PDB file of N, CA and C in Angstrom:
ATOM      1  N   MET A   1    -144.570  13.125-104.802  1.00  0.00           N
ATOM      2  CA  MET A   1    -143.139  13.228-104.539  1.00  0.00           C
ATOM      3  C   MET A   1    -142.598  11.866-104.124  1.00  0.00           C
ATOM      4  N   THR A   2    -141.352  11.661-104.474  1.00  0.00           N
ATOM      5  CA  THR A   2    -140.659  10.473-104.006  1.00  0.00           C
ATOM      6  C   THR A   2    -140.674  10.491-102.476  1.00  0.00           C
ATOM      7  N   ALA A   3    -140.718   9.334-101.871  1.00  0.00           N
ATOM      8  CA  ALA A   3    -140.901   9.224-100.422  1.00  0.00           C
ATOM      9  C   ALA A   3    -139.883  10.019 -99.600  1.00  0.00           C
ATOM     10  N   ASN A   4    -138.678  10.202-100.110  1.00  0.00           N
ATOM     11  CA  ASN A   4    -137.664  10.892 -99.304  1.00  0.00           C
ATOM     12  C   ASN A   4    -137.502  12.374 -99.638  1.00  0.00           C
ATOM     13  N   ILE A   5    -138.280  12.916-100.588  1.00  0.00           N
ATOM     14  CA  ILE A   5    -138.181  14.342-100.932  1.00  0.00           C
ATOM     15  C   ILE A   5    -139.286  15.124-100.234  1.00  0.00           C
ATOM     16  N   LYS A   6    -138.876  16.147 -99.511  1.00  0.00           N
ATOM     17  CA  LYS A   6    -139.820  17.029 -98.815  1.00  0.00           C
ATOM     18  C   LYS A   6    -140.305  18.139 -99.746  1.00  0.00           C
ATOM     19  N   SER A   7    -139.372  18.788-100.471  1.00  0.00           N
ATOM     20  CA  SER A   7    -139.770  19.880-101.361  1.00  0.00           C
ATOM     21  C   SER A   7    -138.721  20.125-102.436  1.00  0.00           C
ATOM     22  N   ILE A   8    -139.192  20.724-103.537  1.00  0.00           N
ATOM     23  CA  ILE A   8    -138.335  21.204-104.623  1.00  0.00           C
ATOM     24  C   ILE A   8    -138.749  22.651-104.837  1.00  0.00           C
ATOM     25  N   ARG A   9    -137.820  23.573-104.613  1.00  0.00           N
ATOM     26  CA  ARG A   9    -138.176  24.988-104.697  1.00  0.00           C
ATOM     27  C   ARG A   9    -136.952  25.820-105.055  1.00  0.00           C
ATOM     28  N   MET A  10    -137.192  27.095-105.337  1.00  0.00           N
ATOM     29  CA  MET A  10    -136.103  28.018-105.568  1.00  0.00           C
ATOM     30  C   MET A  10    -135.486  28.381-104.214  1.00  0.00           C
ATOM     31  N   TRP A  11    -134.178  28.428-104.168  1.00  0.00           N
ATOM     32  CA  TRP A  11    -133.470  28.722-102.924  1.00  0.00           C
ATOM     33  C   TRP A  11    -133.294  30.227-102.804  1.00  0.00           C
ATOM     34  N   ASP A  12    -134.318  30.877-102.263  1.00  0.00           N
ATOM     35  CA  ASP A  12    -134.315  32.341-102.154  1.00  0.00           C
ATOM     36  C   ASP A  12    -133.343  32.875-101.114  1.00  0.00           C
ATOM     37  N   ASP A  13    -133.087  32.116-100.057  1.00  0.00           N
ATOM     38  CA  ASP A  13    -132.220  32.598 -98.976  1.00  0.00           C
ATOM     39  C   ASP A  13    -130.859  31.904 -98.983  1.00  0.00           C
ATOM     40  N   ASN A  14    -130.362  31.602-100.176  1.00  0.00           N
ATOM     41  CA  ASN A  14    -129.060  30.959-100.330  1.00  0.00           C
ATOM     42  C   ASN A  14    -127.981  31.856 -99.712  1.00  0.00           C
ATOM     43  N   PRO A  15    -127.192  31.330 -98.769  1.00  0.00           N
ATOM     44  CA  PRO A  15    -126.169  32.160 -98.130  1.00  0.00           C
ATOM     45  C   PRO A  15    -124.984  32.490 -99.039  1.00  0.00           C
ATOM     46  N   ASP A  16    -124.847  31.774-100.153  1.00  0.00           N
ATOM     47  CA  ASP A  16    -123.764  32.033-101.092  1.00  0.00           C
ATOM     48  C   ASP A  16    -124.115  33.252-101.944  1.00  0.00           C
ATOM     49  N   LYS A  17    -123.677  34.417-101.528  1.00  0.00           N
ATOM     50  CA  LYS A  17    -124.030  35.667-102.210  1.00  0.00           C
ATOM     51  C   LYS A  17    -123.236  35.885-103.500  1.00  0.00           C
ATOM     52  N   THR A  18    -122.281  34.996-103.806  1.00  0.00           N
ATOM     53  CA  THR A  18    -121.530  35.135-105.048  1.00  0.00           C
ATOM     54  C   THR A  18    -122.309  34.579-106.234  1.00  0.00           C
ATOM     55  N   ARG A  19    -123.372  33.832-105.987  1.00  0.00           N
ATOM     56  CA  ARG A  19    -124.189  33.278-107.069  1.00  0.00           C
ATOM     57  C   ARG A  19    -125.012  34.384-107.700  1.00  0.00           C
ATOM     58  N   VAL A  20    -124.962  34.462-109.018  1.00  0.00           N
ATOM     59  CA  VAL A  20    -125.707  35.489-109.729  1.00  0.00           C
ATOM     60  C   VAL A  20    -127.164  35.076-109.901  1.00  0.00           C
ATOM     61  N   SER A  21    -127.406  33.784-110.145  1.00  0.00           N
ATOM     62  CA  SER A  21    -128.774  33.326-110.382  1.00  0.00           C
ATOM     63  C   SER A  21    -129.278  32.486-109.218  1.00  0.00           C
ATOM     64  N   LYS A  22    -130.583  32.352-109.145  1.00  0.00           N
ATOM     65  CA  LYS A  22    -131.204  31.500-108.140  1.00  0.00           C
ATOM     66  C   LYS A  22    -130.934  30.042-108.513  1.00  0.00           C
ATOM     67  N   VAL A  23    -130.923  29.181-107.513  1.00  0.00           N
ATOM     68  CA  VAL A  23    -130.702  27.765-107.760  1.00  0.00           C
ATOM     69  C   VAL A  23    -131.863  26.958-107.210  1.00  0.00           C
ATOM     70  N   VAL A  24    -131.996  25.737-107.715  1.00  0.00           N
ATOM     71  CA  VAL A  24    -133.028  24.823-107.254  1.00  0.00           C
ATOM     72  C   VAL A  24    -132.533  24.164-105.969  1.00  0.00           C
ATOM     73  N   ARG A  25    -133.396  24.122-104.968  1.00  0.00           N
ATOM     74  CA  ARG A  25    -133.054  23.467-103.700  1.00  0.00           C
ATOM     75  C   ARG A  25    -134.007  22.289-103.503  1.00  0.00           C
ATOM     76  N   ILE A  26    -133.442  21.122-103.281  1.00  0.00           N
ATOM     77  CA  ILE A  26    -134.227  19.929-102.994  1.00  0.00           C
ATOM     78  C   ILE A  26    -133.997  19.596-101.525  1.00  0.00           C
ATOM     79  N   GLU A  27    -135.071  19.584-100.747  1.00  0.00           N
ATOM     80  CA  GLU A  27    -134.974  19.234 -99.329  1.00  0.00           C
ATOM     81  C   GLU A  27    -135.486  17.810 -99.136  1.00  0.00           C
ATOM     82  N   PHE A  28    -134.747  17.044 -98.347  1.00  0.00           N
ATOM     83  CA  PHE A  28    -135.121  15.674 -98.069  1.00  0.00           C
ATOM     84  C   PHE A  28    -135.818  15.576 -96.721  1.00  0.00           C
ATOM     85  N   LYS A  29    -136.704  14.603 -96.588  1.00  0.00           N
ATOM     86  CA  LYS A  29    -137.441  14.406 -95.342  1.00  0.00           C
ATOM     87  C   LYS A  29    -136.558  13.839 -94.244  1.00  0.00           C
ATOM     88  N   PHE A  30    -135.518  13.127 -94.621  1.00  0.00           N
ATOM     89  CA  PHE A  30    -134.635  12.488 -93.656  1.00  0.00           C
ATOM     90  C   PHE A  30    -133.288  12.276 -94.335  1.00  0.00           C
ATOM     91  N   PRO A  31    -132.244  11.989 -93.557  1.00  0.00           N
ATOM     92  CA  PRO A  31    -130.933  11.770 -94.190  1.00  0.00           C
ATOM     93  C   PRO A  31    -130.996  10.626 -95.212  1.00  0.00           C
ATOM     94  N   CYS A  32    -130.409  10.865 -96.365  1.00  0.00           N
ATOM     95  CA  CYS A  32    -130.356   9.818 -97.388  1.00  0.00           C
ATOM     96  C   CYS A  32    -129.106  10.025 -98.225  1.00  0.00           C
ATOM     97  N   THR A  33    -128.667   8.971 -98.858  1.00  0.00           N
ATOM     98  CA  THR A  33    -127.465   9.059 -99.688  1.00  0.00           C
ATOM     99  C   THR A  33    -127.785   9.087-101.172  1.00  0.00           C
ATOM    100  N   TRP A  34    -129.020   8.743-101.560  1.00  0.00           N
ATOM    101  CA  TRP A  34    -129.403   8.767-102.965  1.00  0.00           C
ATOM    102  C   TRP A  34    -130.922   8.799-103.093  1.00  0.00           C
ATOM    103  N   THR A  35    -131.375   9.127-104.298  1.00  0.00           N
ATOM    104  CA  THR A  35    -132.798   9.100-104.599  1.00  0.00           C
ATOM    105  C   THR A  35    -132.981   8.846-106.092  1.00  0.00           C
ATOM    106  N   VAL A  36    -134.158   8.428-106.476  1.00  0.00           N
ATOM    107  CA  VAL A  36    -134.524   8.272-107.879  1.00  0.00           C
ATOM    108  C   VAL A  36    -135.669   9.246-108.127  1.00  0.00           C
ATOM    109  N   LEU A  37    -135.483  10.154-109.072  1.00  0.00           N
ATOM    110  CA  LEU A  37    -136.479  11.181-109.338  1.00  0.00           C
ATOM    111  C   LEU A  37    -137.523  10.687-110.325  1.00  0.00           C
ATOM    112  N   SER A  38    -138.759  11.099-110.100  1.00  0.00           N
ATOM    113  CA  SER A  38    -139.835  10.793-111.030  1.00  0.00           C
ATOM    114  C   SER A  38    -139.848  11.841-112.143  1.00  0.00           C
ATOM    115  N   ILE A  39    -140.603  11.585-113.189  1.00  0.00           N
ATOM    116  CA  ILE A  39    -140.759  12.562-114.272  1.00  0.00           C
ATOM    117  C   ILE A  39    -141.341  13.859-113.714  1.00  0.00           C
ATOM    118  N   GLU A  40    -142.331  13.766-112.835  1.00  0.00           N
ATOM    119  CA  GLU A  40    -142.936  14.970-112.255  1.00  0.00           C
ATOM    120  C   GLU A  40    -141.913  15.777-111.464  1.00  0.00           C
ATOM    121  N   GLU A  41    -141.029  15.103-110.726  1.00  0.00           N
ATOM    122  CA  GLU A  41    -139.999  15.815-109.967  1.00  0.00           C
ATOM    123  C   GLU A  41    -138.995  16.474-110.895  1.00  0.00           C
ATOM    124  N   LEU A  42    -138.624  15.806-111.958  1.00  0.00           N
ATOM    125  CA  LEU A  42    -137.728  16.423-112.943  1.00  0.00           C
ATOM    126  C   LEU A  42    -138.378  17.646-113.576  1.00  0.00           C
ATOM    127  N   LYS A  43    -139.668  17.553-113.880  1.00  0.00           N
ATOM    128  CA  LYS A  43    -140.385  18.706-114.428  1.00  0.00           C
ATOM    129  C   LYS A  43    -140.440  19.852-113.427  1.00  0.00           C
ATOM    130  N   GLN A  44    -140.621  19.541-112.145  1.00  0.00           N
ATOM    131  CA  GLN A  44    -140.640  20.595-111.122  1.00  0.00           C
ATOM    132  C   GLN A  44    -139.271  21.273-111.016  1.00  0.00           C
ATOM    133  N   ILE A  45    -138.199  20.490-111.100  1.00  0.00           N
ATOM    134  CA  ILE A  45    -136.854  21.066-111.100  1.00  0.00           C
ATOM    135  C   ILE A  45    -136.693  22.004-112.285  1.00  0.00           C
ATOM    136  N   LEU A  46    -137.147  21.585-113.471  1.00  0.00           N
ATOM    137  CA  LEU A  46    -137.055  22.447-114.653  1.00  0.00           C
ATOM    138  C   LEU A  46    -137.876  23.724-114.487  1.00  0.00           C
ATOM    139  N   ARG A  47    -139.080  23.606-113.911  1.00  0.00           N
ATOM    140  CA  ARG A  47    -139.910  24.806-113.700  1.00  0.00           C
ATOM    141  C   ARG A  47    -139.194  25.822-112.819  1.00  0.00           C
ATOM    142  N   VAL A  48    -138.622  25.348-111.712  1.00  0.00           N
ATOM    143  CA  VAL A  48    -137.931  26.252-110.790  1.00  0.00           C
ATOM    144  C   VAL A  48    -136.664  26.793-111.439  1.00  0.00           C
ATOM    145  N   TRP A  49    -135.947  25.958-112.167  1.00  0.00           N
ATOM    146  CA  TRP A  49    -134.726  26.379-112.845  1.00  0.00           C
ATOM    147  C   TRP A  49    -135.043  27.479-113.854  1.00  0.00           C
ATOM    148  N   ILE A  50    -136.127  27.317-114.604  1.00  0.00           N
ATOM    149  CA  ILE A  50    -136.539  28.339-115.576  1.00  0.00           C
ATOM    150  C   ILE A  50    -136.818  29.663-114.865  1.00  0.00           C
ATOM    151  N   LYS A  51    -137.530  29.617-113.745  1.00  0.00           N
ATOM    152  CA  LYS A  51    -137.799  30.855-112.988  1.00  0.00           C
ATOM    153  C   LYS A  51    -136.500  31.534-112.587  1.00  0.00           C
ATOM    154  N   GLY A  52    -135.538  30.743-112.104  1.00  0.00           N
ATOM    155  CA  GLY A  52    -134.243  31.305-111.707  1.00  0.00           C
ATOM    156  C   GLY A  52    -133.492  31.911-112.874  1.00  0.00           C
ATOM    157  N   GLU A  53    -133.504  31.231-114.021  1.00  0.00           N
ATOM    158  CA  GLU A  53    -132.828  31.754-115.214  1.00  0.00           C
ATOM    159  C   GLU A  53    -133.473  33.055-115.678  1.00  0.00           C
ATOM    160  N   GLU A  54    -134.793  33.145-115.578  1.00  0.00           N
ATOM    161  CA  GLU A  54    -135.462  34.350-116.049  1.00  0.00           C
ATOM    162  C   GLU A  54    -135.289  35.522-115.089  1.00  0.00           C
ATOM    163  N   LEU A  55    -134.983  35.242-113.829  1.00  0.00           N
ATOM    164  CA  LEU A  55    -134.617  36.332-112.921  1.00  0.00           C
ATOM    165  C   LEU A  55    -133.243  36.883-113.303  1.00  0.00           C
ATOM    166  N   LYS A  56    -132.346  35.983-113.711  1.00  0.00           N
ATOM    167  CA  LYS A  56    -130.994  36.392-114.097  1.00  0.00           C
ATOM    168  C   LYS A  56    -130.969  37.010-115.493  1.00  0.00           C
ATOM    169  N   TYR A  57    -131.707  36.396-116.423  1.00  0.00           N
ATOM    170  CA  TYR A  57    -131.741  36.841-117.816  1.00  0.00           C
ATOM    171  C   TYR A  57    -133.197  37.064-118.238  1.00  0.00           C
ATOM    172  N   PRO A  58    -133.810  38.190-117.848  1.00  0.00           N
ATOM    173  CA  PRO A  58    -135.207  38.425-118.248  1.00  0.00           C
ATOM    174  C   PRO A  58    -135.373  38.331-119.767  1.00  0.00           C
ATOM    175  N   THR A  59    -134.416  38.870-120.502  1.00  0.00           N
ATOM    176  CA  THR A  59    -134.363  38.692-121.953  1.00  0.00           C
ATOM    177  C   THR A  59    -132.901  38.553-122.333  1.00  0.00           C
ATOM    178  N   ARG A  60    -132.664  37.873-123.423  1.00  0.00           N
ATOM    179  CA  ARG A  60    -131.296  37.718-123.919  1.00  0.00           C
ATOM    180  C   ARG A  60    -131.361  37.551-125.426  1.00  0.00           C
ATOM    181  N   THR A  61    -130.227  37.605-126.064  1.00  0.00           N
ATOM    182  CA  THR A  61    -130.156  37.388-127.506  1.00  0.00           C
ATOM    183  C   THR A  61    -129.716  35.952-127.741  1.00  0.00           C
ATOM    184  N   ASN A  62    -130.485  35.204-128.520  1.00  0.00           N
ATOM    185  CA  ASN A  62    -130.133  33.804-128.770  1.00  0.00           C
ATOM    186  C   ASN A  62    -129.145  33.686-129.919  1.00  0.00           C
ATOM    187  N   LEU A  63    -128.854  32.461-130.315  1.00  0.00           N
ATOM    188  CA  LEU A  63    -127.866  32.203-131.369  1.00  0.00           C
ATOM    189  C   LEU A  63    -128.236  32.836-132.701  1.00  0.00           C
ATOM    190  N   TYR A  64    -129.529  33.098-132.911  1.00  0.00           N
ATOM    191  CA  TYR A  64    -129.998  33.636-134.194  1.00  0.00           C
ATOM    192  C   TYR A  64    -130.202  35.150-134.152  1.00  0.00           C
ATOM    193  N   GLY A  65    -129.802  35.796-133.045  1.00  0.00           N
ATOM    194  CA  GLY A  65    -129.923  37.236-132.929  1.00  0.00           C
ATOM    195  C   GLY A  65    -131.284  37.716-132.473  1.00  0.00           C
ATOM    196  N   ASN A  66    -132.168  36.792-132.093  1.00  0.00           N
ATOM    197  CA  ASN A  66    -133.499  37.169-131.608  1.00  0.00           C
ATOM    198  C   ASN A  66    -133.466  37.413-130.101  1.00  0.00           C
ATOM    199  N   THR A  67    -134.271  38.352-129.649  1.00  0.00           N
ATOM    200  CA  THR A  67    -134.398  38.599-128.220  1.00  0.00           C
ATOM    201  C   THR A  67    -135.431  37.633-127.656  1.00  0.00           C
ATOM    202  N   VAL A  68    -135.028  36.866-126.647  1.00  0.00           N
ATOM    203  CA  VAL A  68    -135.886  35.829-126.080  1.00  0.00           C
ATOM    204  C   VAL A  68    -135.778  35.835-124.556  1.00  0.00           C
ATOM    205  N   LYS A  69    -136.683  35.151-123.897  1.00  0.00           N
ATOM    206  CA  LYS A  69    -136.628  35.021-122.446  1.00  0.00           C
ATOM    207  C   LYS A  69    -135.466  34.120-122.045  1.00  0.00           C
ATOM    208  N   GLY A  70    -135.063  34.219-120.787  1.00  0.00           N
ATOM    209  CA  GLY A  70    -133.949  33.439-120.269  1.00  0.00           C
ATOM    210  C   GLY A  70    -134.145  31.942-120.372  1.00  0.00           C
ATOM    211  N   ARG A  71    -135.395  31.483-120.422  1.00  0.00           N
ATOM    212  CA  ARG A  71    -135.639  30.044-120.517  1.00  0.00           C
ATOM    213  C   ARG A  71    -135.044  29.446-121.783  1.00  0.00           C
ATOM    214  N   SER A  72    -134.844  30.255-122.808  1.00  0.00           N
ATOM    215  CA  SER A  72    -134.283  29.715-124.047  1.00  0.00           C
ATOM    216  C   SER A  72    -132.850  29.248-123.850  1.00  0.00           C
ATOM    217  N   LEU A  73    -132.124  29.883-122.934  1.00  0.00           N
ATOM    218  CA  LEU A  73    -130.763  29.459-122.634  1.00  0.00           C
ATOM    219  C   LEU A  73    -130.775  28.013-122.132  1.00  0.00           C
ATOM    220  N   LEU A  74    -131.661  27.719-121.204  1.00  0.00           N
ATOM    221  CA  LEU A  74    -131.793  26.365-120.681  1.00  0.00           C
ATOM    222  C   LEU A  74    -132.279  25.416-121.767  1.00  0.00           C
ATOM    223  N   PHE A  75    -133.254  25.844-122.552  1.00  0.00           N
ATOM    224  CA  PHE A  75    -133.805  25.002-123.614  1.00  0.00           C
ATOM    225  C   PHE A  75    -132.723  24.612-124.620  1.00  0.00           C
ATOM    226  N   GLU A  76    -131.889  25.569-125.007  1.00  0.00           N
ATOM    227  CA  GLU A  76    -130.812  25.290-125.956  1.00  0.00           C
ATOM    228  C   GLU A  76    -129.866  24.232-125.403  1.00  0.00           C
ATOM    229  N   GLU A  77    -129.585  24.289-124.093  1.00  0.00           N
ATOM    230  CA  GLU A  77    -128.699  23.306-123.473  1.00  0.00           C
ATOM    231  C   GLU A  77    -129.358  21.927-123.412  1.00  0.00           C
ATOM    232  N   ILE A  78    -130.657  21.894-123.154  1.00  0.00           N
ATOM    233  CA  ILE A  78    -131.380  20.616-123.113  1.00  0.00           C
ATOM    234  C   ILE A  78    -131.385  19.976-124.503  1.00  0.00           C
ATOM    235  N   ILE A  79    -131.588  20.779-125.535  1.00  0.00           N
ATOM    236  CA  ILE A  79    -131.569  20.271-126.914  1.00  0.00           C
ATOM    237  C   ILE A  79    -130.209  19.645-127.212  1.00  0.00           C
ATOM    238  N   LYS A  80    -129.138  20.280-126.767  1.00  0.00           N
ATOM    239  CA  LYS A  80    -127.797  19.730-126.986  1.00  0.00           C
ATOM    240  C   LYS A  80    -127.665  18.339-126.369  1.00  0.00           C
ATOM    241  N   VAL A  81    -128.232  18.151-125.185  1.00  0.00           N
ATOM    242  CA  VAL A  81    -128.177  16.847-124.521  1.00  0.00           C
ATOM    243  C   VAL A  81    -128.927  15.807-125.352  1.00  0.00           C
ATOM    244  N   PHE A  82    -130.111  16.167-125.871  1.00  0.00           N
ATOM    245  CA  PHE A  82    -130.883  15.233-126.674  1.00  0.00           C
ATOM    246  C   PHE A  82    -130.176  14.888-127.981  1.00  0.00           C
ATOM    247  N   GLU A  83    -129.354  15.788-128.474  1.00  0.00           N
ATOM    248  CA  GLU A  83    -128.666  15.546-129.734  1.00  0.00           C
ATOM    249  C   GLU A  83    -127.364  14.752-129.555  1.00  0.00           C
ATOM    250  N   GLU A  84    -126.931  14.551-128.295  1.00  0.00           N
ATOM    251  CA  GLU A  84    -125.710  13.772-128.042  1.00  0.00           C
ATOM    252  C   GLU A  84    -125.915  12.326-128.440  1.00  0.00           C
ATOM    253  N   ASP A  85    -124.839  11.703-128.873  1.00  0.00           N
ATOM    254  CA  ASP A  85    -124.867  10.281-129.196  1.00  0.00           C
ATOM    255  C   ASP A  85    -124.580   9.523-127.903  1.00  0.00           C
ATOM    256  N   LEU A  86    -125.632   9.027-127.264  1.00  0.00           N
ATOM    257  CA  LEU A  86    -125.476   8.370-125.967  1.00  0.00           C
ATOM    258  C   LEU A  86    -125.144   6.917-126.089  1.00  0.00           C
TER     259      LEU A  86
END
């Protein structure tokens, strides 16, 4: 982990009860105004995000009419980012 990150996890006890899906919570070891994430930390965020999406959408219908797990929703959005002209 980056020196200032304590944990990356799903926020199970989020006080905002209007949220339908779980969110990723990053806790810092001490007050900080910024951080630079490593590839491993980004992957951990994606792992937790996928778990949260699959709690909200255990299965869904994708663009092609196939029934798939909720992770495909996130995957489709990530593909869109890679296809952008940066």
